[in-house]
N, C-alpha and C. Protein backbone atom coordinates (compact mmCIF):
# COMPACT_ATOMS: atom_id res chain seq x y z
N MET A 1 -28.03 -8.40 -96.75
CA MET A 1 -28.90 -7.67 -95.86
C MET A 1 -29.38 -8.65 -94.78
N THR A 2 -29.24 -8.25 -93.53
CA THR A 2 -29.69 -9.12 -92.46
C THR A 2 -31.21 -9.03 -92.32
N GLU A 3 -31.76 -10.02 -91.70
CA GLU A 3 -33.22 -10.04 -91.50
C GLU A 3 -33.72 -8.82 -90.71
N PRO A 4 -33.04 -8.44 -89.59
CA PRO A 4 -33.52 -7.24 -88.87
C PRO A 4 -33.47 -5.98 -89.74
N GLU A 5 -32.39 -5.82 -90.53
CA GLU A 5 -32.30 -4.65 -91.41
C GLU A 5 -33.40 -4.67 -92.45
N LEU A 6 -33.60 -5.80 -93.06
CA LEU A 6 -34.64 -5.94 -94.07
C LEU A 6 -36.02 -5.69 -93.47
N GLY A 7 -36.24 -6.20 -92.26
CA GLY A 7 -37.52 -6.00 -91.59
C GLY A 7 -37.80 -4.53 -91.30
N LEU A 8 -36.80 -3.82 -90.79
CA LEU A 8 -36.97 -2.40 -90.49
C LEU A 8 -37.19 -1.61 -91.77
N LEU A 9 -36.38 -1.86 -92.77
CA LEU A 9 -36.54 -1.15 -94.04
C LEU A 9 -37.91 -1.45 -94.65
N SER A 10 -38.35 -2.69 -94.56
CA SER A 10 -39.68 -3.05 -95.09
C SER A 10 -40.79 -2.32 -94.35
N ARG A 11 -40.68 -2.21 -93.03
CA ARG A 11 -41.70 -1.50 -92.25
C ARG A 11 -41.72 -0.02 -92.62
N LEU A 12 -40.53 0.58 -92.74
CA LEU A 12 -40.47 2.00 -93.13
C LEU A 12 -41.06 2.19 -94.53
N TRP A 13 -40.76 1.25 -95.43
CA TRP A 13 -41.28 1.34 -96.79
C TRP A 13 -42.81 1.26 -96.78
N GLU A 14 -43.36 0.34 -95.99
CA GLU A 14 -44.82 0.21 -95.91
C GLU A 14 -45.45 1.50 -95.38
N GLU A 15 -44.84 2.11 -94.36
CA GLU A 15 -45.33 3.39 -93.86
C GLU A 15 -45.27 4.44 -94.96
N HIS A 16 -44.19 4.43 -95.68
CA HIS A 16 -43.98 5.46 -96.70
C HIS A 16 -45.01 5.35 -97.83
N ILE A 17 -45.25 4.16 -98.30
CA ILE A 17 -46.18 4.05 -99.43
C ILE A 17 -47.63 4.32 -99.01
N ARG A 18 -47.92 4.23 -97.73
CA ARG A 18 -49.26 4.58 -97.24
C ARG A 18 -49.41 6.08 -97.01
N ALA A 19 -48.29 6.76 -96.85
CA ALA A 19 -48.34 8.20 -96.54
C ALA A 19 -48.53 9.01 -97.83
N PRO A 20 -49.45 9.95 -97.80
CA PRO A 20 -49.62 10.79 -98.99
C PRO A 20 -48.43 11.76 -99.15
N PHE A 21 -48.08 12.02 -100.40
CA PHE A 21 -47.04 13.01 -100.65
C PHE A 21 -47.56 14.36 -100.17
N PRO A 22 -46.74 15.12 -99.46
CA PRO A 22 -47.19 16.45 -98.98
C PRO A 22 -47.55 17.35 -100.18
N SER A 23 -48.84 17.59 -100.35
CA SER A 23 -49.32 18.27 -101.55
C SER A 23 -48.73 19.66 -101.73
N HIS A 24 -48.43 20.35 -100.64
CA HIS A 24 -47.87 21.70 -100.77
C HIS A 24 -46.43 21.68 -101.30
N LEU A 25 -45.82 20.49 -101.38
CA LEU A 25 -44.45 20.39 -101.91
C LEU A 25 -44.43 19.94 -103.38
N ARG A 26 -45.58 19.60 -103.92
CA ARG A 26 -45.65 19.20 -105.32
C ARG A 26 -45.29 20.40 -106.19
N GLY A 27 -44.31 20.20 -107.07
CA GLY A 27 -43.88 21.29 -107.95
C GLY A 27 -43.00 22.33 -107.29
N ARG A 28 -42.55 22.06 -106.06
CA ARG A 28 -41.71 23.02 -105.34
C ARG A 28 -40.27 22.58 -105.28
N GLU A 29 -39.41 23.57 -105.27
CA GLU A 29 -37.99 23.35 -105.01
C GLU A 29 -37.66 23.99 -103.68
N ILE A 30 -36.84 23.29 -102.92
CA ILE A 30 -36.30 23.82 -101.67
C ILE A 30 -34.80 23.63 -101.75
N GLU A 31 -34.07 24.69 -101.47
CA GLU A 31 -32.60 24.63 -101.53
C GLU A 31 -32.12 24.05 -102.87
N GLY A 32 -32.85 24.37 -103.95
CA GLY A 32 -32.46 23.91 -105.28
C GLY A 32 -32.82 22.48 -105.60
N GLU A 33 -33.57 21.82 -104.71
CA GLU A 33 -33.95 20.42 -104.91
C GLU A 33 -35.44 20.34 -105.23
N ASP A 34 -35.78 19.64 -106.31
CA ASP A 34 -37.18 19.38 -106.64
C ASP A 34 -37.68 18.31 -105.67
N MET A 35 -38.66 18.68 -104.87
CA MET A 35 -39.08 17.80 -103.77
C MET A 35 -39.73 16.51 -104.26
N ALA A 36 -40.48 16.57 -105.34
CA ALA A 36 -41.11 15.35 -105.87
C ALA A 36 -40.06 14.43 -106.49
N LEU A 37 -39.09 15.00 -107.20
CA LEU A 37 -38.03 14.17 -107.79
C LEU A 37 -37.16 13.54 -106.71
N LEU A 38 -36.91 14.28 -105.65
CA LEU A 38 -36.13 13.73 -104.54
C LEU A 38 -36.85 12.52 -103.93
N ASP A 39 -38.14 12.67 -103.72
CA ASP A 39 -38.96 11.56 -103.22
C ASP A 39 -38.90 10.38 -104.17
N ALA A 40 -39.11 10.63 -105.45
CA ALA A 40 -39.15 9.55 -106.44
C ALA A 40 -37.80 8.84 -106.56
N GLY A 41 -36.71 9.60 -106.53
CA GLY A 41 -35.39 9.00 -106.64
C GLY A 41 -35.09 8.06 -105.48
N ILE A 42 -35.35 8.53 -104.27
CA ILE A 42 -35.10 7.69 -103.10
C ILE A 42 -36.06 6.50 -103.08
N ALA A 43 -37.34 6.76 -103.31
CA ALA A 43 -38.33 5.68 -103.23
C ALA A 43 -38.03 4.57 -104.24
N GLY A 44 -37.64 4.93 -105.44
CA GLY A 44 -37.34 3.91 -106.44
C GLY A 44 -36.17 3.04 -106.04
N CYS A 45 -35.15 3.66 -105.48
CA CYS A 45 -33.97 2.90 -105.05
C CYS A 45 -34.27 2.03 -103.84
N VAL A 46 -35.03 2.57 -102.90
CA VAL A 46 -35.38 1.78 -101.70
C VAL A 46 -36.23 0.58 -102.10
N SER A 47 -37.19 0.80 -102.98
CA SER A 47 -38.02 -0.30 -103.46
C SER A 47 -37.16 -1.40 -104.08
N SER A 48 -36.19 -1.00 -104.88
CA SER A 48 -35.28 -1.98 -105.50
C SER A 48 -34.43 -2.70 -104.47
N SER A 49 -34.01 -1.97 -103.43
CA SER A 49 -33.14 -2.58 -102.42
C SER A 49 -33.86 -3.67 -101.64
N LEU A 50 -35.18 -3.61 -101.59
CA LEU A 50 -35.94 -4.64 -100.88
C LEU A 50 -35.97 -5.95 -101.66
N SER A 51 -35.63 -5.89 -102.93
CA SER A 51 -35.62 -7.09 -103.78
C SER A 51 -34.25 -7.72 -103.90
N GLY A 52 -33.23 -7.00 -103.48
CA GLY A 52 -31.87 -7.52 -103.59
C GLY A 52 -30.88 -6.39 -103.61
N PRO A 53 -29.60 -6.71 -103.75
CA PRO A 53 -28.57 -5.67 -103.74
C PRO A 53 -28.80 -4.64 -104.85
N LEU A 54 -28.50 -3.39 -104.52
CA LEU A 54 -28.64 -2.32 -105.50
C LEU A 54 -27.55 -2.41 -106.56
N ASP A 55 -27.93 -2.06 -107.78
CA ASP A 55 -26.91 -1.95 -108.82
C ASP A 55 -26.15 -0.64 -108.61
N GLU A 56 -25.08 -0.46 -109.33
CA GLU A 56 -24.22 0.70 -109.14
C GLU A 56 -24.97 2.01 -109.40
N ARG A 57 -25.82 2.03 -110.41
CA ARG A 57 -26.55 3.25 -110.75
C ARG A 57 -27.47 3.68 -109.60
N ARG A 58 -28.21 2.76 -109.04
CA ARG A 58 -29.12 3.11 -107.94
C ARG A 58 -28.34 3.49 -106.68
N HIS A 59 -27.24 2.82 -106.46
CA HIS A 59 -26.40 3.18 -105.31
C HIS A 59 -25.91 4.62 -105.45
N LYS A 60 -25.49 4.99 -106.65
CA LYS A 60 -25.03 6.37 -106.89
C LYS A 60 -26.16 7.37 -106.72
N ILE A 61 -27.37 7.00 -107.16
CA ILE A 61 -28.52 7.89 -106.98
C ILE A 61 -28.73 8.17 -105.50
N LEU A 62 -28.66 7.14 -104.68
CA LEU A 62 -28.83 7.34 -103.24
C LEU A 62 -27.72 8.19 -102.66
N LEU A 63 -26.51 8.03 -103.15
CA LEU A 63 -25.40 8.82 -102.64
C LEU A 63 -25.55 10.30 -102.98
N VAL A 64 -26.31 10.61 -104.02
CA VAL A 64 -26.63 12.00 -104.36
C VAL A 64 -27.86 12.47 -103.58
N CYS A 65 -28.86 11.62 -103.47
CA CYS A 65 -30.12 12.00 -102.81
C CYS A 65 -29.99 12.14 -101.30
N LEU A 66 -29.15 11.35 -100.69
CA LEU A 66 -29.04 11.39 -99.22
C LEU A 66 -28.58 12.76 -98.72
N PRO A 67 -27.49 13.32 -99.24
CA PRO A 67 -27.14 14.67 -98.77
C PRO A 67 -28.15 15.73 -99.21
N ALA A 68 -28.83 15.49 -100.32
CA ALA A 68 -29.84 16.45 -100.77
C ALA A 68 -31.01 16.50 -99.78
N VAL A 69 -31.48 15.34 -99.33
CA VAL A 69 -32.60 15.33 -98.38
C VAL A 69 -32.15 15.90 -97.04
N GLU A 70 -30.91 15.64 -96.66
CA GLU A 70 -30.40 16.23 -95.41
C GLU A 70 -30.33 17.75 -95.52
N LYS A 71 -30.00 18.25 -96.70
CA LYS A 71 -29.90 19.70 -96.93
C LYS A 71 -31.27 20.37 -96.84
N VAL A 72 -32.32 19.73 -97.38
CA VAL A 72 -33.63 20.38 -97.42
C VAL A 72 -34.41 20.26 -96.12
N LEU A 73 -34.14 19.25 -95.32
CA LEU A 73 -34.94 19.02 -94.10
C LEU A 73 -35.11 20.25 -93.21
N PRO A 74 -34.04 21.01 -92.94
CA PRO A 74 -34.24 22.17 -92.05
C PRO A 74 -35.15 23.25 -92.65
N SER A 75 -35.35 23.24 -93.95
CA SER A 75 -36.15 24.27 -94.62
C SER A 75 -37.59 23.85 -94.90
N ILE A 76 -37.95 22.62 -94.56
CA ILE A 76 -39.30 22.12 -94.84
C ILE A 76 -40.23 22.57 -93.72
N ASP A 77 -41.39 23.14 -94.12
CA ASP A 77 -42.40 23.41 -93.10
C ASP A 77 -43.17 22.11 -92.88
N ASP A 78 -43.76 21.97 -91.72
CA ASP A 78 -44.35 20.68 -91.36
C ASP A 78 -45.81 20.54 -91.76
N GLU A 79 -46.29 21.36 -92.65
CA GLU A 79 -47.67 21.23 -93.13
C GLU A 79 -47.89 19.81 -93.67
N GLY A 80 -48.93 19.16 -93.21
CA GLY A 80 -49.28 17.84 -93.70
C GLY A 80 -48.28 16.75 -93.37
N GLY A 81 -47.48 16.93 -92.32
CA GLY A 81 -46.52 15.90 -91.93
C GLY A 81 -45.31 15.80 -92.84
N ALA A 82 -44.97 16.88 -93.52
CA ALA A 82 -43.88 16.87 -94.49
C ALA A 82 -42.54 16.51 -93.87
N ILE A 83 -42.29 16.98 -92.66
CA ILE A 83 -40.99 16.69 -92.04
C ILE A 83 -40.87 15.19 -91.77
N ASP A 84 -41.90 14.58 -91.20
CA ASP A 84 -41.86 13.13 -90.97
C ASP A 84 -41.68 12.38 -92.27
N TYR A 85 -42.36 12.82 -93.32
CA TYR A 85 -42.29 12.18 -94.62
C TYR A 85 -40.85 12.17 -95.13
N TYR A 86 -40.19 13.32 -95.07
CA TYR A 86 -38.82 13.41 -95.59
C TYR A 86 -37.78 12.85 -94.62
N GLU A 87 -38.06 12.86 -93.33
CA GLU A 87 -37.15 12.18 -92.40
C GLU A 87 -37.17 10.68 -92.63
N ARG A 88 -38.35 10.14 -92.91
CA ARG A 88 -38.45 8.71 -93.22
C ARG A 88 -37.69 8.40 -94.52
N LEU A 89 -37.82 9.26 -95.52
CA LEU A 89 -37.05 9.09 -96.76
C LEU A 89 -35.55 9.07 -96.47
N ARG A 90 -35.11 10.00 -95.63
CA ARG A 90 -33.68 10.06 -95.29
C ARG A 90 -33.25 8.77 -94.60
N GLU A 91 -34.04 8.30 -93.67
CA GLU A 91 -33.69 7.07 -92.94
C GLU A 91 -33.63 5.88 -93.89
N MET A 92 -34.61 5.77 -94.78
CA MET A 92 -34.61 4.66 -95.74
C MET A 92 -33.41 4.75 -96.68
N ALA A 93 -33.10 5.95 -97.15
CA ALA A 93 -31.95 6.11 -98.05
C ALA A 93 -30.66 5.72 -97.35
N ALA A 94 -30.49 6.16 -96.11
CA ALA A 94 -29.28 5.83 -95.35
C ALA A 94 -29.17 4.32 -95.14
N MET A 95 -30.29 3.68 -94.82
CA MET A 95 -30.26 2.23 -94.61
C MET A 95 -29.92 1.51 -95.90
N ALA A 96 -30.52 1.93 -96.99
CA ALA A 96 -30.26 1.26 -98.28
C ALA A 96 -28.80 1.44 -98.70
N VAL A 97 -28.22 2.61 -98.46
CA VAL A 97 -26.80 2.84 -98.76
C VAL A 97 -25.94 1.95 -97.87
N GLU A 98 -26.24 1.92 -96.58
CA GLU A 98 -25.46 1.11 -95.64
C GLU A 98 -25.55 -0.37 -96.00
N ILE A 99 -26.74 -0.82 -96.31
CA ILE A 99 -26.94 -2.23 -96.69
C ILE A 99 -26.17 -2.53 -97.97
N GLY A 100 -26.25 -1.60 -98.93
CA GLY A 100 -25.52 -1.76 -100.18
C GLY A 100 -24.02 -1.83 -99.97
N ASN A 101 -23.50 -1.00 -99.06
CA ASN A 101 -22.08 -1.02 -98.76
C ASN A 101 -21.69 -2.34 -98.10
N ALA A 102 -22.55 -2.87 -97.25
CA ALA A 102 -22.27 -4.15 -96.60
C ALA A 102 -22.27 -5.29 -97.62
N ASP A 103 -23.18 -5.21 -98.61
CA ASP A 103 -23.26 -6.26 -99.62
C ASP A 103 -22.05 -6.25 -100.54
N THR A 104 -21.45 -5.07 -100.77
CA THR A 104 -20.32 -4.97 -101.68
C THR A 104 -18.99 -5.00 -100.96
N GLY A 105 -19.01 -4.72 -99.66
CA GLY A 105 -17.75 -4.61 -98.93
C GLY A 105 -17.47 -5.84 -98.19
């Protein structure tokens, strides 16, 4: 992971952990996706990616979560900044996957 990539991912992560989870999405499914589990899956993998290369299991989790978050984004209402919250998750997931691919490729 290059310093600029790590810096951007770190900044996005700091924004994310300061942002409250959109309360109206707690316990909700959109397009068949549990919104809290989607958040937790991506956040756990991104957090790990900041410490070093992702293991295969976390990389696979991101490869499942990334299209899932892309699928739900058009259906999220923006109450409480939910769209920004999930767009940031998508961006972090994409960066972590890209960084992981660079580390292994």
